[in-house]
Amino acid sequence: MSKVIIAIGSNSCPAAHIHWASQWLSHTFHDVRLSRTLWTPDIKGTGRYYMNRLAIATTTLSREAVEQLLKETEARTGRNPDRVTLDLDLMQYDDTRYHLKDWPRPYIQQLIPDIL
């Protein structure tokens, strides 16, 4: 089993999409623990706000399979460049971290203690 940390975000019907993603993660991965949700401003300064959450889980899937599954799930929700229905980022797979520029962001730092 491998440990994964997944960042979840949405700026389009965020409460509904975050709830749906949380349920989907709970059915897709083993032993899922979820952080609280947190509103954060768009890092690009667009004036939009995102609802964010983190999840930690275990899986038998490879890193590549997890990433593909996350991207396919984003696409199923109608995500496009202007409408982030759902953003699912693999932040960590076992001991390897990804999206390194995101780790220092305040919302990650505030939410990570919820799941560790």
PDB file of N, CA and C in Angstrom:
ATOM      1  N   MET A   1       0.844  -1.184   0.000  1.00  0.00           N
ATOM      2  CA  MET A   1       0.000   0.000   0.000  1.00  0.00           C
ATOM      3  C   MET A   1       0.882   1.238   0.000  1.00  0.00           C
ATOM      4  N   SER A   2       0.460   2.219  -0.760  1.00  0.00           N
ATOM      5  CA  SER A   2       1.172   3.490  -0.814  1.00  0.00           C
ATOM      6  C   SER A   2       0.305   4.582  -0.210  1.00  0.00           C
ATOM      7  N   LYS A   3       0.978   5.563   0.413  1.00  0.00           N
ATOM      8  CA  LYS A   3       0.269   6.697   1.006  1.00  0.00           C
ATOM      9  C   LYS A   3       0.194   7.817  -0.029  1.00  0.00           C
ATOM     10  N   VAL A   4      -0.982   8.428  -0.141  1.00  0.00           N
ATOM     11  CA  VAL A   4      -1.168   9.573  -1.026  1.00  0.00           C
ATOM     12  C   VAL A   4      -1.781  10.732  -0.254  1.00  0.00           C
ATOM     13  N   ILE A   5      -1.356  11.938  -0.617  1.00  0.00           N
ATOM     14  CA  ILE A   5      -2.002  13.160  -0.142  1.00  0.00           C
ATOM     15  C   ILE A   5      -2.515  13.877  -1.370  1.00  0.00           C
ATOM     16  N   ILE A   6      -3.789  14.236  -1.341  1.00  0.00           N
ATOM     17  CA  ILE A   6      -4.450  14.854  -2.479  1.00  0.00           C
ATOM     18  C   ILE A   6      -5.039  16.188  -2.044  1.00  0.00           C
ATOM     19  N   ALA A   7      -4.762  17.232  -2.829  1.00  0.00           N
ATOM     20  CA  ALA A   7      -5.373  18.540  -2.608  1.00  0.00           C
ATOM     21  C   ALA A   7      -6.629  18.616  -3.465  1.00  0.00           C
ATOM     22  N   ILE A   8      -7.690  19.134  -2.862  1.00  0.00           N
ATOM     23  CA  ILE A   8      -8.989  19.260  -3.521  1.00  0.00           C
ATOM     24  C   ILE A   8      -9.351  20.731  -3.519  1.00  0.00           C
ATOM     25  N   GLY A   9      -9.748  21.260  -4.671  1.00  0.00           N
ATOM     26  CA  GLY A   9     -10.158  22.657  -4.737  1.00  0.00           C
ATOM     27  C   GLY A   9     -11.262  22.840  -5.750  1.00  0.00           C
ATOM     28  N   SER A  10     -12.045  23.905  -5.565  1.00  0.00           N
ATOM     29  CA  SER A  10     -13.112  24.233  -6.501  1.00  0.00           C
ATOM     30  C   SER A  10     -13.475  25.703  -6.380  1.00  0.00           C
ATOM     31  N   ASN A  11     -13.815  26.327  -7.537  1.00  0.00           N
ATOM     32  CA  ASN A  11     -14.322  27.691  -7.509  1.00  0.00           C
ATOM     33  C   ASN A  11     -15.669  27.807  -8.224  1.00  0.00           C
ATOM     34  N   SER A  12     -16.283  26.677  -8.539  1.00  0.00           N
ATOM     35  CA  SER A  12     -17.577  26.653  -9.206  1.00  0.00           C
ATOM     36  C   SER A  12     -18.493  25.720  -8.422  1.00  0.00           C
ATOM     37  N   CYS A  13     -19.545  26.273  -7.823  1.00  0.00           N
ATOM     38  CA  CYS A  13     -20.393  25.495  -6.912  1.00  0.00           C
ATOM     39  C   CYS A  13     -19.502  24.712  -5.950  1.00  0.00           C
ATOM     40  N   PRO A  14     -18.587  25.418  -5.271  1.00  0.00           N
ATOM     41  CA  PRO A  14     -17.541  24.726  -4.528  1.00  0.00           C
ATOM     42  C   PRO A  14     -18.035  23.787  -3.437  1.00  0.00           C
ATOM     43  N   ALA A  15     -19.033  24.160  -2.683  1.00  0.00           N
ATOM     44  CA  ALA A  15     -19.482  23.275  -1.602  1.00  0.00           C
ATOM     45  C   ALA A  15     -19.965  21.944  -2.167  1.00  0.00           C
ATOM     46  N   ALA A  16     -20.726  21.995  -3.250  1.00  0.00           N
ATOM     47  CA  ALA A  16     -21.235  20.762  -3.858  1.00  0.00           C
ATOM     48  C   ALA A  16     -20.114  19.933  -4.454  1.00  0.00           C
ATOM     49  N   HIS A  17     -19.181  20.582  -5.148  1.00  0.00           N
ATOM     50  CA  HIS A  17     -18.092  19.833  -5.776  1.00  0.00           C
ATOM     51  C   HIS A  17     -17.126  19.248  -4.742  1.00  0.00           C
ATOM     52  N   ILE A  18     -16.824  19.991  -3.692  1.00  0.00           N
ATOM     53  CA  ILE A  18     -15.940  19.474  -2.646  1.00  0.00           C
ATOM     54  C   ILE A  18     -16.608  18.299  -1.925  1.00  0.00           C
ATOM     55  N   HIS A  19     -17.902  18.418  -1.659  1.00  0.00           N
ATOM     56  CA  HIS A  19     -18.628  17.316  -1.020  1.00  0.00           C
ATOM     57  C   HIS A  19     -18.609  16.076  -1.916  1.00  0.00           C
ATOM     58  N   TRP A  20     -18.904  16.265  -3.216  1.00  0.00           N
ATOM     59  CA  TRP A  20     -18.910  15.143  -4.153  1.00  0.00           C
ATOM     60  C   TRP A  20     -17.525  14.504  -4.209  1.00  0.00           C
ATOM     61  N   ALA A  21     -16.470  15.327  -4.318  1.00  0.00           N
ATOM     62  CA  ALA A  21     -15.104  14.805  -4.393  1.00  0.00           C
ATOM     63  C   ALA A  21     -14.732  14.051  -3.120  1.00  0.00           C
ATOM     64  N   SER A  22     -15.153  14.556  -1.988  1.00  0.00           N
ATOM     65  CA  SER A  22     -14.863  13.887  -0.714  1.00  0.00           C
ATOM     66  C   SER A  22     -15.503  12.500  -0.678  1.00  0.00           C
ATOM     67  N   GLN A  23     -16.741  12.410  -1.146  1.00  0.00           N
ATOM     68  CA  GLN A  23     -17.421  11.114  -1.206  1.00  0.00           C
ATOM     69  C   GLN A  23     -16.731  10.182  -2.200  1.00  0.00           C
ATOM     70  N   TRP A  24     -16.373  10.723  -3.366  1.00  0.00           N
ATOM     71  CA  TRP A  24     -15.697   9.932  -4.396  1.00  0.00           C
ATOM     72  C   TRP A  24     -14.371   9.386  -3.866  1.00  0.00           C
ATOM     73  N   LEU A  25     -13.583  10.242  -3.209  1.00  0.00           N
ATOM     74  CA  LEU A  25     -12.305   9.796  -2.646  1.00  0.00           C
ATOM     75  C   LEU A  25     -12.518   8.687  -1.615  1.00  0.00           C
ATOM     76  N   SER A  26     -13.545   8.829  -0.793  1.00  0.00           N
ATOM     77  CA  SER A  26     -13.825   7.825   0.240  1.00  0.00           C
ATOM     78  C   SER A  26     -14.176   6.473  -0.356  1.00  0.00           C
ATOM     79  N   HIS A  27     -14.768   6.471  -1.546  1.00  0.00           N
ATOM     80  CA  HIS A  27     -15.125   5.212  -2.203  1.00  0.00           C
ATOM     81  C   HIS A  27     -14.001   4.668  -3.083  1.00  0.00           C
ATOM     82  N   THR A  28     -13.046   5.510  -3.449  1.00  0.00           N
ATOM     83  CA  THR A  28     -12.000   5.129  -4.393  1.00  0.00           C
ATOM     84  C   THR A  28     -10.714   4.678  -3.715  1.00  0.00           C
ATOM     85  N   PHE A  29     -10.411   5.272  -2.567  1.00  0.00           N
ATOM     86  CA  PHE A  29      -9.163   4.987  -1.868  1.00  0.00           C
ATOM     87  C   PHE A  29      -9.450   4.389  -0.492  1.00  0.00           C
ATOM     88  N   HIS A  30      -8.417   3.773   0.098  1.00  0.00           N
ATOM     89  CA  HIS A  30      -8.552   3.140   1.408  1.00  0.00           C
ATOM     90  C   HIS A  30      -8.245   4.142   2.520  1.00  0.00           C
ATOM     91  N   ASP A  31      -8.926   4.005   3.630  1.00  0.00           N
ATOM     92  CA  ASP A  31      -8.596   4.734   4.857  1.00  0.00           C
ATOM     93  C   ASP A  31      -8.496   6.250   4.658  1.00  0.00           C
ATOM     94  N   VAL A  32      -9.420   6.843   3.957  1.00  0.00           N
ATOM     95  CA  VAL A  32      -9.362   8.282   3.669  1.00  0.00           C
ATOM     96  C   VAL A  32      -9.633   9.088   4.934  1.00  0.00           C
ATOM     97  N   ARG A  33      -8.767  10.082   5.174  1.00  0.00           N
ATOM     98  CA  ARG A  33      -9.012  11.093   6.207  1.00  0.00           C
ATOM     99  C   ARG A  33      -9.031  12.435   5.498  1.00  0.00           C
ATOM    100  N   LEU A  34     -10.009  13.251   5.837  1.00  0.00           N
ATOM    101  CA  LEU A  34     -10.200  14.545   5.184  1.00  0.00           C
ATOM    102  C   LEU A  34      -9.970  15.683   6.164  1.00  0.00           C
ATOM    103  N   SER A  35      -9.396  16.754   5.658  1.00  0.00           N
ATOM    104  CA  SER A  35      -9.242  17.966   6.459  1.00  0.00           C
ATOM    105  C   SER A  35     -10.561  18.721   6.470  1.00  0.00           C
ATOM    106  N   ARG A  36     -10.596  19.783   7.252  1.00  0.00           N
ATOM    107  CA  ARG A  36     -11.720  20.711   7.174  1.00  0.00           C
ATOM    108  C   ARG A  36     -11.623  21.432   5.825  1.00  0.00           C
ATOM    109  N   THR A  37     -12.639  22.187   5.467  1.00  0.00           N
ATOM    110  CA  THR A  37     -12.582  22.999   4.254  1.00  0.00           C
ATOM    111  C   THR A  37     -12.132  24.411   4.626  1.00  0.00           C
ATOM    112  N   LEU A  38     -11.548  25.080   3.642  1.00  0.00           N
ATOM    113  CA  LEU A  38     -11.002  26.412   3.868  1.00  0.00           C
ATOM    114  C   LEU A  38     -11.174  27.238   2.606  1.00  0.00           C
ATOM    115  N   TRP A  39     -11.686  28.454   2.745  1.00  0.00           N
ATOM    116  CA  TRP A  39     -11.808  29.382   1.615  1.00  0.00           C
ATOM    117  C   TRP A  39     -10.498  30.135   1.442  1.00  0.00           C
ATOM    118  N   THR A  40     -10.025  30.228   0.198  1.00  0.00           N
ATOM    119  CA  THR A  40      -8.798  30.971  -0.081  1.00  0.00           C
ATOM    120  C   THR A  40      -8.961  31.773  -1.370  1.00  0.00           C
ATOM    121  N   PRO A  41      -8.331  32.946  -1.439  1.00  0.00           N
ATOM    122  CA  PRO A  41      -8.381  33.720  -2.689  1.00  0.00           C
ATOM    123  C   PRO A  41      -7.529  33.041  -3.765  1.00  0.00           C
ATOM    124  N   ASP A  42      -7.938  33.216  -5.006  1.00  0.00           N
ATOM    125  CA  ASP A  42      -7.188  32.707  -6.153  1.00  0.00           C
ATOM    126  C   ASP A  42      -5.780  33.296  -6.121  1.00  0.00           C
ATOM    127  N   ILE A  43      -4.768  32.457  -6.257  1.00  0.00           N
ATOM    128  CA  ILE A  43      -3.379  32.928  -6.197  1.00  0.00           C
ATOM    129  C   ILE A  43      -3.016  33.820  -7.374  1.00  0.00           C
ATOM    130  N   LYS A  44      -3.829  33.800  -8.442  1.00  0.00           N
ATOM    131  CA  LYS A  44      -3.571  34.646  -9.613  1.00  0.00           C
ATOM    132  C   LYS A  44      -4.169  36.035  -9.459  1.00  0.00           C
ATOM    133  N   GLY A  45      -4.852  36.281  -8.346  1.00  0.00           N
ATOM    134  CA  GLY A  45      -5.424  37.596  -8.093  1.00  0.00           C
ATOM    135  C   GLY A  45      -6.638  37.932  -8.937  1.00  0.00           C
ATOM    136  N   THR A  46      -7.415  36.936  -9.324  1.00  0.00           N
ATOM    137  CA  THR A  46      -8.589  37.167 -10.171  1.00  0.00           C
ATOM    138  C   THR A  46      -9.797  37.668  -9.390  1.00  0.00           C
ATOM    139  N   GLY A  47      -9.722  37.622  -8.077  1.00  0.00           N
ATOM    140  CA  GLY A  47     -10.866  37.988  -7.260  1.00  0.00           C
ATOM    141  C   GLY A  47     -11.761  36.804  -6.936  1.00  0.00           C
ATOM    142  N   ARG A  48     -11.511  35.667  -7.547  1.00  0.00           N
ATOM    143  CA  ARG A  48     -12.277  34.456  -7.249  1.00  0.00           C
ATOM    144  C   ARG A  48     -11.761  33.825  -5.969  1.00  0.00           C
ATOM    145  N   TYR A  49     -12.632  33.088  -5.324  1.00  0.00           N
ATOM    146  CA  TYR A  49     -12.250  32.331  -4.135  1.00  0.00           C
ATOM    147  C   TYR A  49     -12.431  30.848  -4.409  1.00  0.00           C
ATOM    148  N   TYR A  50     -11.563  30.071  -3.808  1.00  0.00           N
ATOM    149  CA  TYR A  50     -11.612  28.619  -3.904  1.00  0.00           C
ATOM    150  C   TYR A  50     -11.933  28.032  -2.540  1.00  0.00           C
ATOM    151  N   MET A  51     -12.671  26.941  -2.561  1.00  0.00           N
ATOM    152  CA  MET A  51     -12.829  26.127  -1.369  1.00  0.00           C
ATOM    153  C   MET A  51     -11.794  25.013  -1.507  1.00  0.00           C
ATOM    154  N   ASN A  52     -11.033  24.775  -0.458  1.00  0.00           N
ATOM    155  CA  ASN A  52      -9.962  23.788  -0.480  1.00  0.00           C
ATOM    156  C   ASN A  52     -10.111  22.787   0.649  1.00  0.00           C
ATOM    157  N   ARG A  53      -9.540  21.624   0.409  1.00  0.00           N
ATOM    158  CA  ARG A  53      -9.535  20.547   1.394  1.00  0.00           C
ATOM    159  C   ARG A  53      -8.374  19.622   1.036  1.00  0.00           C
ATOM    160  N   LEU A  54      -7.847  18.909   2.008  1.00  0.00           N
ATOM    161  CA  LEU A  54      -6.828  17.896   1.767  1.00  0.00           C
ATOM    162  C   LEU A  54      -7.355  16.527   2.171  1.00  0.00           C
ATOM    163  N   ALA A  55      -6.829  15.510   1.507  1.00  0.00           N
ATOM    164  CA  ALA A  55      -7.159  14.130   1.852  1.00  0.00           C
ATOM    165  C   ALA A  55      -5.874  13.325   1.930  1.00  0.00           C
ATOM    166  N   ILE A  56      -5.836  12.389   2.860  1.00  0.00           N
ATOM    167  CA  ILE A  56      -4.750  11.427   2.941  1.00  0.00           C
ATOM    168  C   ILE A  56      -5.395  10.048   2.886  1.00  0.00           C
ATOM    169  N   ALA A  57      -4.749   9.134   2.151  1.00  0.00           N
ATOM    170  CA  ALA A  57      -5.331   7.806   1.969  1.00  0.00           C
ATOM    171  C   ALA A  57      -4.223   6.828   1.615  1.00  0.00           C
ATOM    172  N   THR A  58      -4.601   5.564   1.518  1.00  0.00           N
ATOM    173  CA  THR A  58      -3.686   4.554   1.022  1.00  0.00           C
ATOM    174  C   THR A  58      -4.291   3.924  -0.226  1.00  0.00           C
ATOM    175  N   THR A  59      -3.390   3.410  -1.085  1.00  0.00           N
ATOM    176  CA  THR A  59      -3.850   2.831  -2.338  1.00  0.00           C
ATOM    177  C   THR A  59      -2.858   1.789  -2.834  1.00  0.00           C
ATOM    178  N   THR A  60      -3.344   0.893  -3.666  1.00  0.00           N
ATOM    179  CA  THR A  60      -2.476  -0.064  -4.352  1.00  0.00           C
ATOM    180  C   THR A  60      -2.147   0.424  -5.761  1.00  0.00           C
ATOM    181  N   LEU A  61      -2.737   1.540  -6.177  1.00  0.00           N
ATOM    182  CA  LEU A  61      -2.483   2.086  -7.510  1.00  0.00           C
ATOM    183  C   LEU A  61      -1.088   2.700  -7.593  1.00  0.00           C
ATOM    184  N   SER A  62      -0.517   2.700  -8.777  1.00  0.00           N
ATOM    185  CA  SER A  62       0.756   3.380  -9.002  1.00  0.00           C
ATOM    186  C   SER A  62       0.531   4.890  -9.005  1.00  0.00           C
ATOM    187  N   ARG A  63       1.618   5.637  -8.890  1.00  0.00           N
ATOM    188  CA  ARG A  63       1.522   7.099  -8.937  1.00  0.00           C
ATOM    189  C   ARG A  63       0.888   7.551 -10.252  1.00  0.00           C
ATOM    190  N   GLU A  64       1.327   6.964 -11.343  1.00  0.00           N
ATOM    191  CA  GLU A  64       0.792   7.346 -12.656  1.00  0.00           C
ATOM    192  C   GLU A  64      -0.704   7.051 -12.751  1.00  0.00           C
ATOM    193  N   ALA A  65      -1.122   5.924 -12.217  1.00  0.00           N
ATOM    194  CA  ALA A  65      -2.546   5.568 -12.241  1.00  0.00           C
ATOM    195  C   ALA A  65      -3.368   6.516 -11.382  1.00  0.00           C
ATOM    196  N   VAL A  66      -2.834   6.915 -10.230  1.00  0.00           N
ATOM    197  CA  VAL A  66      -3.540   7.873  -9.372  1.00  0.00           C
ATOM    198  C   VAL A  66      -3.690   9.202 -10.102  1.00  0.00           C
ATOM    199  N   GLU A  67      -2.612   9.692 -10.691  1.00  0.00           N
ATOM    200  CA  GLU A  67      -2.681  10.973 -11.399  1.00  0.00           C
ATOM    201  C   GLU A  67      -3.670  10.922 -12.558  1.00  0.00           C
ATOM    202  N   GLN A  68      -3.665   9.840 -13.319  1.00  0.00           N
ATOM    203  CA  GLN A  68      -4.608   9.702 -14.429  1.00  0.00           C
ATOM    204  C   GLN A  68      -6.046   9.675 -13.922  1.00  0.00           C
ATOM    205  N   LEU A  69      -6.283   8.941 -12.853  1.00  0.00           N
ATOM    206  CA  LEU A  69      -7.618   8.863 -12.273  1.00  0.00           C
ATOM    207  C   LEU A  69      -8.098  10.233 -11.803  1.00  0.00           C
ATOM    208  N   LEU A  70      -7.214  11.014 -11.180  1.00  0.00           N
ATOM    209  CA  LEU A  70      -7.588  12.352 -10.716  1.00  0.00           C
ATOM    210  C   LEU A  70      -7.939  13.255 -11.887  1.00  0.00           C
ATOM    211  N   LYS A  71      -7.150  13.232 -12.956  1.00  0.00           N
ATOM    212  CA  LYS A  71      -7.409  14.078 -14.129  1.00  0.00           C
ATOM    213  C   LYS A  71      -8.700  13.663 -14.831  1.00  0.00           C
ATOM    214  N   GLU A  72      -8.950  12.360 -14.934  1.00  0.00           N
ATOM    215  CA  GLU A  72     -10.198  11.887 -15.536  1.00  0.00           C
ATOM    216  C   GLU A  72     -11.404  12.332 -14.710  1.00  0.00           C
ATOM    217  N   THR A  73     -11.250  12.318 -13.395  1.00  0.00           N
ATOM    218  CA  THR A  73     -12.344  12.734 -12.515  1.00  0.00           C
ATOM    219  C   THR A  73     -12.601  14.223 -12.654  1.00  0.00           C
ATOM    220  N   GLU A  74     -11.547  15.036 -12.746  1.00  0.00           N
ATOM    221  CA  GLU A  74     -11.726  16.472 -12.995  1.00  0.00           C
ATOM    222  C   GLU A  74     -12.519  16.693 -14.282  1.00  0.00           C
ATOM    223  N   ALA A  75     -12.139  15.994 -15.336  1.00  0.00           N
ATOM    224  CA  ALA A  75     -12.805  16.157 -16.632  1.00  0.00           C
ATOM    225  C   ALA A  75     -14.275  15.749 -16.566  1.00  0.00           C
ATOM    226  N   ARG A  76     -14.582  14.717 -15.796  1.00  0.00           N
ATOM    227  CA  ARG A  76     -15.978  14.272 -15.661  1.00  0.00           C
ATOM    228  C   ARG A  76     -16.865  15.337 -15.048  1.00  0.00           C
ATOM    229  N   THR A  77     -16.284  16.226 -14.245  1.00  0.00           N
ATOM    230  CA  THR A  77     -17.091  17.266 -13.599  1.00  0.00           C
ATOM    231  C   THR A  77     -17.234  18.511 -14.474  1.00  0.00           C
ATOM    232  N   GLY A  78     -16.682  18.469 -15.688  1.00  0.00           N
ATOM    233  CA  GLY A  78     -16.830  19.602 -16.597  1.00  0.00           C
ATOM    234  C   GLY A  78     -15.771  20.677 -16.429  1.00  0.00           C
ATOM    235  N   ARG A  79     -14.661  20.340 -15.833  1.00  0.00           N
ATOM    236  CA  ARG A  79     -13.597  21.328 -15.632  1.00  0.00           C
ATOM    237  C   ARG A  79     -13.092  21.846 -16.970  1.00  0.00           C
ATOM    238  N   ASN A  80     -12.850  23.152 -17.013  1.00  0.00           N
ATOM    239  CA  ASN A  80     -12.208  23.782 -18.158  1.00  0.00           C
ATOM    240  C   ASN A  80     -11.375  24.952 -17.641  1.00  0.00           C
ATOM    241  N   PRO A  81     -10.591  25.620 -18.497  1.00  0.00           N
ATOM    242  CA  PRO A  81      -9.692  26.677 -18.004  1.00  0.00           C
ATOM    243  C   PRO A  81     -10.388  27.819 -17.253  1.00  0.00           C
ATOM    244  N   ASP A  82     -11.641  28.109 -17.585  1.00  0.00           N
ATOM    245  CA  ASP A  82     -12.350  29.215 -16.938  1.00  0.00           C
ATOM    246  C   ASP A  82     -13.208  28.777 -15.762  1.00  0.00           C
ATOM    247  N   ARG A  83     -13.472  27.536 -15.664  1.00  0.00           N
ATOM    248  CA  ARG A  83     -14.393  27.019 -14.646  1.00  0.00           C
ATOM    249  C   ARG A  83     -13.753  25.820 -13.958  1.00  0.00           C
ATOM    250  N   VAL A  84     -13.232  26.055 -12.769  1.00  0.00           N
ATOM    251  CA  VAL A  84     -12.593  24.966 -12.034  1.00  0.00           C
ATOM    252  C   VAL A  84     -13.642  24.305 -11.151  1.00  0.00           C
ATOM    253  N   THR A  85     -14.370  23.396 -11.774  1.00  0.00           N
ATOM    254  CA  THR A  85     -15.369  22.653 -11.024  1.00  0.00           C
ATOM    255  C   THR A  85     -14.690  21.824  -9.945  1.00  0.00           C
ATOM    256  N   LEU A  86     -13.541  21.258 -10.321  1.00  0.00           N
ATOM    257  CA  LEU A  86     -12.810  20.424  -9.382  1.00  0.00           C
ATOM    258  C   LEU A  86     -11.343  20.401  -9.774  1.00  0.00           C
ATOM    259  N   ASP A  87     -10.485  20.610  -8.796  1.00  0.00           N
ATOM    260  CA  ASP A  87      -9.040  20.515  -8.989  1.00  0.00           C
ATOM    261  C   ASP A  87      -8.529  19.482  -8.002  1.00  0.00           C
ATOM    262  N   LEU A  88      -7.991  18.396  -8.531  1.00  0.00           N
ATOM    263  CA  LEU A  88      -7.474  17.310  -7.706  1.00  0.00           C
ATOM    264  C   LEU A  88      -5.990  17.158  -8.022  1.00  0.00           C
ATOM    265  N   ASP A  89      -5.135  17.499  -7.069  1.00  0.00           N
ATOM    266  CA  ASP A  89      -3.696  17.417  -7.275  1.00  0.00           C
ATOM    267  C   ASP A  89      -3.077  16.395  -6.342  1.00  0.00           C
ATOM    268  N   LEU A  90      -2.281  15.496  -6.922  1.00  0.00           N
ATOM    269  CA  LEU A  90      -1.519  14.555  -6.116  1.00  0.00           C
ATOM    270  C   LEU A  90      -0.340  15.313  -5.526  1.00  0.00           C
ATOM    271  N   MET A  91      -0.403  15.563  -4.232  1.00  0.00           N
ATOM    272  CA  MET A  91       0.625  16.338  -3.548  1.00  0.00           C
ATOM    273  C   MET A  91       1.777  15.458  -3.069  1.00  0.00           C
ATOM    274  N   GLN A  92       1.453  14.220  -2.716  1.00  0.00           N
ATOM    275  CA  GLN A  92       2.499  13.325  -2.220  1.00  0.00           C
ATOM    276  C   GLN A  92       2.110  11.889  -2.531  1.00  0.00           C
ATOM    277  N   TYR A  93       3.109  11.114  -2.945  1.00  0.00           N
ATOM    278  CA  TYR A  93       2.950   9.674  -3.152  1.00  0.00           C
ATOM    279  C   TYR A  93       4.078   9.017  -2.385  1.00  0.00           C
ATOM    280  N   ASP A  94       3.730   8.246  -1.374  1.00  0.00           N
ATOM    281  CA  ASP A  94       4.708   7.701  -0.424  1.00  0.00           C
ATOM    282  C   ASP A  94       5.566   8.851   0.106  1.00  0.00           C
ATOM    283  N   ASP A  95       6.868   8.834  -0.087  1.00  0.00           N
ATOM    284  CA  ASP A  95       7.714   9.884   0.474  1.00  0.00           C
ATOM    285  C   ASP A  95       8.084  10.973  -0.534  1.00  0.00           C
ATOM    286  N   THR A  96       7.526  10.916  -1.742  1.00  0.00           N
ATOM    287  CA  THR A  96       7.865  11.897  -2.770  1.00  0.00           C
ATOM    288  C   THR A  96       6.772  12.951  -2.870  1.00  0.00           C
ATOM    289  N   ARG A  97       7.190  14.206  -2.750  1.00  0.00           N
ATOM    290  CA  ARG A  97       6.248  15.331  -2.854  1.00  0.00           C
ATOM    291  C   ARG A  97       6.213  15.872  -4.277  1.00  0.00           C
ATOM    292  N   TYR A  98       5.036  16.305  -4.688  1.00  0.00           N
ATOM    293  CA  TYR A  98       4.813  16.918  -5.995  1.00  0.00           C
ATOM    294  C   TYR A  98       4.210  18.297  -5.775  1.00  0.00           C
ATOM    295  N   HIS A  99       4.081  19.078  -6.828  1.00  0.00           N
ATOM    296  CA  HIS A  99       3.547  20.449  -6.726  1.00  0.00           C
ATOM    297  C   HIS A  99       4.300  21.202  -5.639  1.00  0.00           C
ATOM    298  N   LEU A 100       5.609  21.187  -5.746  1.00  0.00           N
ATOM    299  CA  LEU A 100       6.461  21.745  -4.683  1.00  0.00           C
ATOM    300  C   LEU A 100       6.184  23.215  -4.407  1.00  0.00           C
ATOM    301  N   LYS A 101       5.765  23.972  -5.410  1.00  0.00           N
ATOM    302  CA  LYS A 101       5.476  25.395  -5.183  1.00  0.00           C
ATOM    303  C   LYS A 101       4.208  25.588  -4.345  1.00  0.00           C
ATOM    304  N   ASP A 102       3.373  24.564  -4.276  1.00  0.00           N
ATOM    305  CA  ASP A 102       2.129  24.664  -3.505  1.00  0.00           C
ATOM    306  C   ASP A 102       2.310  24.343  -2.021  1.00  0.00           C
ATOM    307  N   TRP A 103       3.311  23.550  -1.669  1.00  0.00           N
ATOM    308  CA  TRP A 103       3.486  23.137  -0.276  1.00  0.00           C
ATOM    309  C   TRP A 103       3.606  24.301   0.698  1.00  0.00           C
ATOM    310  N   PRO A 104       4.310  25.398   0.352  1.00  0.00           N
ATOM    311  CA  PRO A 104       4.403  26.506   1.317  1.00  0.00           C
ATOM    312  C   PRO A 104       3.152  27.388   1.395  1.00  0.00           C
ATOM    313  N   ARG A 105       2.205  27.190   0.484  1.00  0.00           N
ATOM    314  CA  ARG A 105       1.010  28.051   0.482  1.00  0.00           C
ATOM    315  C   ARG A 105       0.279  27.943   1.822  1.00  0.00           C
ATOM    316  N   PRO A 106      -0.263  29.070   2.286  1.00  0.00           N
ATOM    317  CA  PRO A 106      -0.918  29.068   3.606  1.00  0.00           C
ATOM    318  C   PRO A 106      -2.017  28.022   3.764  1.00  0.00           C
ATOM    319  N   TYR A 107      -2.828  27.798   2.733  1.00  0.00           N
ATOM    320  CA  TYR A 107      -3.924  26.845   2.908  1.00  0.00           C
ATOM    321  C   TYR A 107      -3.404  25.414   3.085  1.00  0.00           C
ATOM    322  N   ILE A 108      -2.310  25.067   2.414  1.00  0.00           N
ATOM    323  CA  ILE A 108      -1.727  23.737   2.613  1.00  0.00           C
ATOM    324  C   ILE A 108      -1.187  23.635   4.036  1.00  0.00           C
ATOM    325  N   GLN A 109      -0.462  24.648   4.466  1.00  0.00           N
ATOM    326  CA  GLN A 109       0.126  24.641   5.800  1.00  0.00           C
ATOM    327  C   GLN A 109      -0.940  24.622   6.890  1.00  0.00           C
ATOM    328  N   GLN A 110      -2.079  25.277   6.642  1.00  0.00           N
ATOM    329  CA  GLN A 110      -3.161  25.279   7.633  1.00  0.00           C
ATOM    330  C   GLN A 110      -3.904  23.956   7.673  1.00  0.00           C
ATOM    331  N   LEU A 111      -4.032  23.280   6.528  1.00  0.00           N
ATOM    332  CA  LEU A 111      -4.843  22.066   6.456  1.00  0.00           C
ATOM    333  C   LEU A 111      -4.053  20.779   6.725  1.00  0.00           C
ATOM    334  N   ILE A 112      -2.762  20.774   6.466  1.00  0.00           N
ATOM    335  CA  ILE A 112      -1.992  19.532   6.600  1.00  0.00           C
ATOM    336  C   ILE A 112      -2.041  18.946   8.014  1.00  0.00           C
ATOM    337  N   PRO A 113      -2.030  19.759   9.077  1.00  0.00           N
ATOM    338  CA  PRO A 113      -2.132  19.142  10.417  1.00  0.00           C
ATOM    339  C   PRO A 113      -3.448  18.396  10.645  1.00  0.00           C
ATOM    340  N   ASP A 114      -4.490  18.756   9.901  1.00  0.00           N
ATOM    341  CA  ASP A 114      -5.777  18.064  10.055  1.00  0.00           C
ATOM    342  C   ASP A 114      -5.704  16.589   9.660  1.00  0.00           C
ATOM    343  N   ILE A 115      -4.818  16.251   8.730  1.00  0.00           N
ATOM    344  CA  ILE A 115      -4.796  14.890   8.211  1.00  0.00           C
ATOM    345  C   ILE A 115      -3.599  14.060   8.663  1.00  0.00           C
ATOM    346  N   LEU A 116      -2.605  14.710   9.239  1.00  0.00           N
ATOM    347  CA  LEU A 116      -1.413  13.953   9.672  1.00  0.00           C
ATOM    348  C   LEU A 116      -1.527  13.517  11.119  1.00  0.00           C
TER     349      LEU A 116
END
